[in-house]
Protein backbone atom coordinates (compact mmCIF):
# COMPACT_ATOMS: atom_id res chain seq x y z
CA MET A 1 81.54 104.77 56.83
CA SER A 2 78.11 105.00 55.27
CA LYS A 3 76.09 108.20 55.51
CA THR A 4 73.97 106.92 58.38
CA THR A 5 75.05 109.43 61.03
CA GLN A 6 73.47 112.83 60.48
CA ILE A 7 75.35 115.88 61.73
CA LEU A 8 74.01 119.41 61.97
CA VAL A 9 76.51 122.27 61.99
CA ALA A 10 75.43 125.77 62.97
CA GLY A 11 77.95 128.49 62.21
CA ALA A 12 79.59 130.74 59.66
CA ALA A 13 80.15 130.34 55.95
CA ASN A 14 82.70 132.83 54.63
CA VAL A 15 84.60 133.82 51.57
CA ASP A 16 88.26 133.85 52.62
CA ILE A 17 91.02 135.90 51.00
CA ILE A 18 94.43 134.59 52.06
CA GLY A 19 97.74 136.34 51.40
CA PHE A 20 101.01 134.38 51.20
CA PRO A 21 104.21 136.52 51.40
CA ASP A 22 107.16 135.67 49.14
CA GLU A 23 109.66 136.38 51.92
CA LYS A 24 109.70 137.23 55.60
CA LEU A 25 106.62 139.29 56.41
CA VAL A 26 107.38 142.94 57.10
CA MET A 27 104.72 144.73 59.12
CA HIS A 28 103.62 148.26 58.17
CA ASP A 29 104.82 147.73 54.60
CA ALA A 30 103.55 146.39 51.25
CA ASN A 31 104.79 142.81 50.91
CA THR A 32 104.99 140.91 47.63
CA GLY A 33 103.32 137.54 47.47
CA SER A 34 100.28 135.66 46.19
CA MET A 35 96.56 135.54 47.02
CA GLU A 36 93.99 132.77 47.22
CA ILE A 37 90.21 133.29 47.31
CA VAL A 38 88.56 130.23 48.85
CA THR A 39 85.41 129.06 50.59
CA GLY A 40 85.76 129.29 54.36
CA GLY A 41 84.05 129.93 57.66
CA VAL A 42 84.45 127.70 60.70
CA GLY A 43 81.02 126.12 60.42
CA ARG A 44 81.24 125.57 56.67
CA ASN A 45 84.77 124.18 56.92
CA ILE A 46 83.78 121.68 59.62
CA ALA A 47 80.74 120.66 57.55
CA HIS A 48 82.87 120.19 54.43
CA ASN A 49 85.42 118.06 56.31
CA LEU A 50 82.65 115.90 57.77
CA SER A 51 81.16 115.44 54.30
CA LEU A 52 84.56 114.24 53.06
CA LEU A 53 84.51 111.73 55.93
CA ASP A 54 81.18 110.44 54.58
CA PHE A 55 78.72 111.87 57.09
CA GLU A 56 75.30 113.24 56.12
CA VAL A 57 75.88 116.91 56.91
CA TYR A 58 73.42 119.79 57.29
CA LEU A 59 74.70 123.36 57.64
CA ALA A 60 72.67 126.12 59.25
CA THR A 61 74.28 129.41 58.26
CA LEU A 62 73.49 132.90 56.98
CA PHE A 63 73.84 133.93 53.35
CA GLY A 64 73.42 137.42 51.95
CA ASP A 65 71.94 138.31 48.58
CA ASP A 66 75.23 139.35 46.95
CA PRO A 67 77.17 137.44 44.25
CA LEU A 68 79.62 135.96 46.76
CA SER A 69 76.73 134.43 48.68
CA LYS A 70 75.59 132.72 45.50
CA TYR A 71 79.14 131.44 45.08
CA LEU A 72 79.02 129.96 48.59
CA VAL A 73 75.63 128.31 48.03
CA LYS A 74 76.93 126.63 44.89
CA ALA A 75 80.03 125.49 46.77
CA CYS A 76 77.93 123.92 49.54
CA ASN A 77 75.89 122.01 46.97
CA ARG A 78 79.09 120.90 45.23
CA ASP A 79 80.69 119.75 48.47
CA GLY A 80 77.77 117.60 49.64
CA ILE A 81 76.60 120.02 52.35
CA HIS A 82 72.81 120.27 52.77
CA ILE A 83 71.58 123.81 53.55
CA PRO A 84 67.75 123.75 54.00
CA ASP A 85 68.18 125.08 57.57
CA SER A 86 70.16 128.10 56.36
CA LEU A 87 68.74 131.58 55.81
CA LEU A 88 69.17 134.18 53.08
CA ILE A 89 69.21 137.69 54.54
CA LYS A 90 68.22 140.37 52.04
CA ASN A 91 70.34 143.51 51.61
CA GLN A 92 73.27 141.89 53.40
CA LYS A 93 76.73 140.92 52.22
CA VAL A 94 78.15 137.48 52.91
CA SER A 95 80.61 137.28 55.80
CA SER A 96 84.26 137.38 54.77
CA PHE A 97 87.71 136.88 56.23
CA ILE A 98 91.00 138.41 55.12
CA ALA A 99 94.12 136.65 56.37
CA VAL A 100 97.80 137.48 55.99
CA LEU A 101 100.19 134.62 56.68
CA ASP A 102 103.79 134.93 57.80
CA GLU A 103 106.84 133.32 56.24
CA THR A 104 106.10 130.03 58.08
CA ASN A 105 102.60 129.98 56.52
CA ASP A 106 100.98 130.59 59.90
CA LEU A 107 98.42 133.32 60.49
CA ALA A 108 100.05 136.71 61.19
CA VAL A 109 96.88 138.80 61.21
CA GLY A 110 93.29 138.41 60.13
CA ILE A 111 90.18 140.56 59.86
CA SER A 112 86.65 139.14 59.96
CA ALA A 113 83.79 141.13 58.40
CA MET A 114 80.75 139.34 59.74
CA GLU A 115 78.04 141.95 60.20
CA ILE A 116 75.47 139.47 58.90
CA PHE A 117 75.89 137.43 62.12
CA SER A 118 74.07 139.97 64.28
CA GLU A 119 72.08 138.90 67.35
CA GLU A 120 68.83 139.37 65.44
CA ASN A 121 69.93 137.31 62.44
CA CYS A 122 71.48 134.58 64.60
CA LEU A 123 68.25 134.17 66.56
CA LYS A 124 66.31 134.00 63.27
CA LEU A 125 68.69 131.24 62.20
CA VAL A 126 68.08 129.28 65.40
CA ASN A 127 64.32 129.55 64.90
CA ASN A 128 64.69 128.38 61.29
CA ILE A 129 66.39 125.10 62.21
CA LEU A 130 63.82 122.35 62.10
CA ALA A 131 62.89 121.25 65.62
CA SER A 132 62.41 117.75 64.21
CA ARG A 133 66.08 117.45 63.36
CA ASN A 134 67.67 114.58 65.27
CA PRO A 135 71.38 114.74 64.49
CA GLY A 136 73.89 112.35 65.97
CA TYR A 137 76.06 115.39 66.69
CA PHE A 138 75.21 119.08 66.80
CA VAL A 139 78.27 121.22 66.04
CA VAL A 140 78.21 124.88 67.07
CA GLU A 141 80.80 127.64 67.03
CA THR A 142 81.18 131.11 68.45
CA ASN A 143 80.59 133.08 65.30
CA LEU A 144 77.05 132.67 66.62
CA THR A 145 76.14 135.11 69.38
CA ALA A 146 75.93 134.11 73.04
CA GLY A 147 72.15 134.48 72.95
CA ALA A 148 71.83 132.27 69.89
CA LEU A 149 74.05 129.59 71.44
CA LYS A 150 71.90 129.52 74.56
CA GLU A 151 68.71 129.26 72.49
CA LEU A 152 70.19 126.40 70.46
CA VAL A 153 71.08 124.24 73.45
CA LYS A 154 67.69 125.01 74.96
CA LYS A 155 65.85 124.08 71.75
CA PHE A 156 67.84 120.87 71.28
CA LYS A 157 68.37 119.92 74.93
CA GLY A 158 70.19 116.65 75.42
CA LYS A 159 71.87 116.49 72.01
CA ARG A 160 75.58 115.76 71.70
CA PHE A 161 76.86 119.32 71.28
CA VAL A 162 80.36 119.88 69.93
CA LEU A 163 81.79 123.40 70.28
CA ASP A 164 84.64 125.14 68.48
CA THR A 165 85.57 128.41 70.18
CA VAL A 166 86.84 130.08 66.94
CA SER A 167 88.90 132.95 68.42
CA GLY A 168 89.97 134.55 71.65
CA LYS A 169 87.64 137.49 71.12
CA LYS A 170 84.60 135.28 70.57
CA ALA A 171 85.33 132.38 72.93
CA ALA A 172 83.59 134.00 75.92
CA ARG A 173 80.26 133.71 74.09
CA ALA A 174 80.19 130.03 75.08
CA LYS A 175 80.49 130.54 78.87
CA ASP A 176 76.83 129.82 79.58
CA ILE A 177 76.64 126.56 77.60
CA LEU A 178 79.70 124.71 78.92
CA GLY A 179 77.57 122.31 80.95
CA ASP A 180 75.69 121.30 77.80
CA LEU A 181 78.78 120.34 75.81
CA TYR A 182 79.73 116.82 74.84
CA ILE A 183 83.00 117.89 73.18
CA LEU A 184 84.87 121.18 73.59
CA LYS A 185 87.64 121.98 71.13
CA THR A 186 89.60 125.14 71.83
CA ASN A 187 93.15 126.44 71.60
CA LEU A 188 95.17 127.76 74.52
CA LEU A 189 94.39 131.45 74.00
CA GLU A 190 90.67 130.74 73.62
CA ALA A 191 90.71 128.42 76.65
CA GLU A 192 92.24 131.18 78.77
CA VAL A 193 89.54 133.65 77.70
CA LEU A 194 86.73 131.15 78.24
CA SER A 195 87.96 130.10 81.69
CA GLY A 196 89.39 133.41 82.91
CA MET A 197 92.59 131.54 83.81
CA LYS A 198 96.20 132.08 82.70
CA VAL A 199 98.52 129.22 81.79
CA LYS A 200 102.20 129.66 82.68
CA ASN A 201 103.30 126.05 83.14
CA GLU A 202 102.29 122.40 82.78
CA GLU A 203 100.38 122.37 86.06
CA ASP A 204 98.31 125.35 84.91
CA LEU A 205 97.40 123.38 81.79
CA LYS A 206 95.99 120.61 83.95
CA LYS A 207 94.10 123.13 86.08
CA ILE A 208 92.43 124.68 83.05
CA MET A 209 91.48 121.20 81.83
CA ARG A 210 89.91 120.41 85.19
CA TYR A 211 88.03 123.72 85.08
CA PHE A 212 86.19 122.72 81.91
CA LEU A 213 85.61 119.14 83.05
CA ASN A 214 84.21 120.39 86.37
CA LYS A 215 81.87 122.69 84.43
CA GLY A 216 80.31 119.58 82.93
CA VAL A 217 82.04 119.26 79.56
CA LYS A 218 82.34 115.54 78.79
CA LYS A 219 85.45 115.62 76.57
CA VAL A 220 87.89 118.53 76.34
CA PHE A 221 90.61 119.11 73.74
CA ILE A 222 92.95 122.12 73.94
CA THR A 223 95.25 122.43 70.95
CA LEU A 224 98.73 123.80 71.64
CA GLY A 225 100.04 124.52 68.14
CA LYS A 226 103.43 122.90 67.53
CA ASN A 227 103.27 121.47 71.08
CA GLY A 228 100.40 119.16 70.23
CA VAL A 229 97.21 118.80 72.24
CA ILE A 230 96.14 118.25 75.85
CA TYR A 231 92.83 116.53 76.44
CA GLY A 232 90.72 114.99 79.15
CA GLU A 233 87.59 113.13 80.17
CA GLY A 234 86.45 112.51 83.73
CA ASP A 235 89.60 112.11 85.85
CA TYR A 236 91.77 111.27 82.84
CA ILE A 237 94.08 113.91 81.34
CA ASN A 238 96.74 113.21 78.72
CA LYS A 239 98.86 115.00 76.14
CA GLN A 240 100.13 114.12 72.66
CA PRO A 241 102.76 115.79 70.45
CA SER A 242 101.84 117.29 67.10
CA ILE A 243 102.16 115.33 63.87
CA ALA A 244 104.90 116.56 61.57
CA SER A 245 103.61 117.87 58.26
CA LYS A 246 104.64 120.20 55.45
CA VAL A 247 102.82 123.42 56.32
CA VAL A 248 101.36 125.40 53.42
CA ASN A 249 98.50 127.11 55.27
CA THR A 250 97.37 126.68 58.90
CA ILE A 251 93.93 128.27 58.38
CA GLY A 252 91.31 125.55 58.64
CA ALA A 253 93.49 123.14 60.63
CA GLY A 254 91.38 123.54 63.76
CA ASP A 255 88.19 122.94 61.79
CA ALA A 256 89.61 119.70 60.43
CA PHE A 257 90.65 118.75 63.97
CA VAL A 258 87.00 118.98 65.06
CA ALA A 259 85.89 116.76 62.18
CA GLY A 260 88.56 114.22 63.11
CA LEU A 261 87.34 114.15 66.72
CA ILE A 262 83.76 113.49 65.64
CA TYR A 263 84.81 110.82 63.16
CA ALA A 264 86.75 108.93 65.84
CA ASP A 265 84.08 109.37 68.51
CA ASN A 266 81.40 108.09 66.17
CA LEU A 267 83.46 104.91 65.73
CA GLY A 268 83.63 104.49 69.50
CA LEU A 269 87.39 105.05 69.65
CA SER A 270 89.23 105.99 72.84
CA LEU A 271 90.01 109.56 73.89
CA ASP A 272 93.66 109.04 72.93
CA GLU A 273 92.60 107.81 69.49
CA MET A 274 90.25 110.78 69.12
CA ALA A 275 93.14 113.19 69.77
CA ALA A 276 95.36 111.35 67.30
CA CYS A 277 92.60 111.41 64.68
CA GLY A 278 92.04 115.13 65.17
CA MET A 279 95.73 115.88 64.75
CA ALA A 280 95.92 113.66 61.67
CA ALA A 281 93.04 115.58 60.08
CA ALA A 282 94.78 118.87 60.88
CA ALA A 283 98.09 117.57 59.47
CA ILE A 284 96.36 116.72 56.19
CA THR A 285 94.67 120.12 56.00
CA VAL A 286 97.77 122.30 56.45
CA GLN A 287 99.29 120.78 53.29
CA THR A 288 97.06 122.84 50.97
CA LYS A 289 96.41 126.54 50.34
CA LYS A 290 92.70 125.86 50.73
CA THR A 291 90.90 125.90 54.09
CA VAL A 292 89.75 122.31 53.48
CA ASN A 293 91.93 119.67 51.86
CA PRO A 294 89.78 117.78 49.32
CA GLU A 295 92.07 114.77 49.79
CA LEU A 296 90.83 114.25 53.36
CA SER A 297 89.30 110.78 53.75
CA ALA A 298 88.96 108.00 56.31
CA GLU A 299 91.71 106.10 54.52
CA LYS A 300 94.02 109.12 54.58
CA LEU A 301 93.38 109.59 58.31
CA LYS A 302 94.33 105.98 59.04
CA GLU A 303 97.46 106.33 56.91
CA ILE A 304 98.65 109.47 58.72
CA MET A 305 97.87 108.03 62.17
CA ALA A 306 99.73 104.80 61.41
CA HIS A 307 102.76 106.71 60.13
CA ALA A 308 102.80 108.93 63.24
CA GLN A 309 102.93 106.01 65.68
C-alpha cells in the first residue's frame, strides 16, 4: 500500500516500564524478573502500527518538557509518525505506564500516571489540531477526556472515527460519541462499562453487540482474549476464534488489532476479513517484549491470516 491514505490519531504517548517475572507471580512480595523500558501509549502504538502498514500517520498527543518527552519525540520521528498537531506542555512530565505481567506474560496489574492529560490540556490539544486536516480515518481513544472527545467529533463532524476504549475505568468517557463512530474496538470489560450491561452467556454477548449497533456505531469489534472476537455490522453478527501465537507480552495487542482493522477496511475487505486481520496483527505483536512489533507488515499479516485458515 502506498502512503496515500492519511490517518490522524489523537491519544496518548507514554513511556512504558514492563516487568516480566521469572516464575509464577506472587502478589504482595518482591518477585525476581526482568524489566523493559519501551515507547508506548495507546494512541502512539496505534500510530506506529499504522506507519508500519505504510499509512501516512499524524499523531496528536501531549508531550511534557522532561527528558523522557524528548525521548518520545525522537521515537516518533524515527518511527515515521508526524507530530505537528501535538503539543508540548511546559512544567509537565510525560505520561507513563508501569505494568507487571504474570507468568503467562499477560497483564497482572498496571498503573497509569497521566496527569498531563487533564481536561484543560486535552481541550488545548483538540484546538491545536488543524481544522484543515482531512484524514481518511480519525482514530481516537479514551485517554482523552469525555469533553475533548465530544469537541473532536464536533470539530471533525462526518469523519470516519475509530475508537479504542483503552480500559474499563476510561471506557465510559466515550458514551456521548457512540453515534459518531465508524468503528468501535473494545474488550468485554470495557464494553460492559460503556453499555452498562453485564455479559453472562452467549446471548448476552449478542445483546451487547446490538446495543452498540443500535446506538449508531457502524462496525463493532469486542475482543474476548483467548476466546477470540465477536463483531457486527447492521444485522450481521459473527464470532471468530483467536489465532494461536507464542505470547511474550500482551501489552499493545489491542492497539495492533485496531491498526489491522483499519488496514483491512481501507482495502475494502469484508467484516470477517477485518476481524481476521485485526487478530493477525495482535498475534504478531504479542511475540515481542515491545508494545509494537517492528516486524509488522502487510506481507506478515497476509502470512499469518493464511496460516490461520
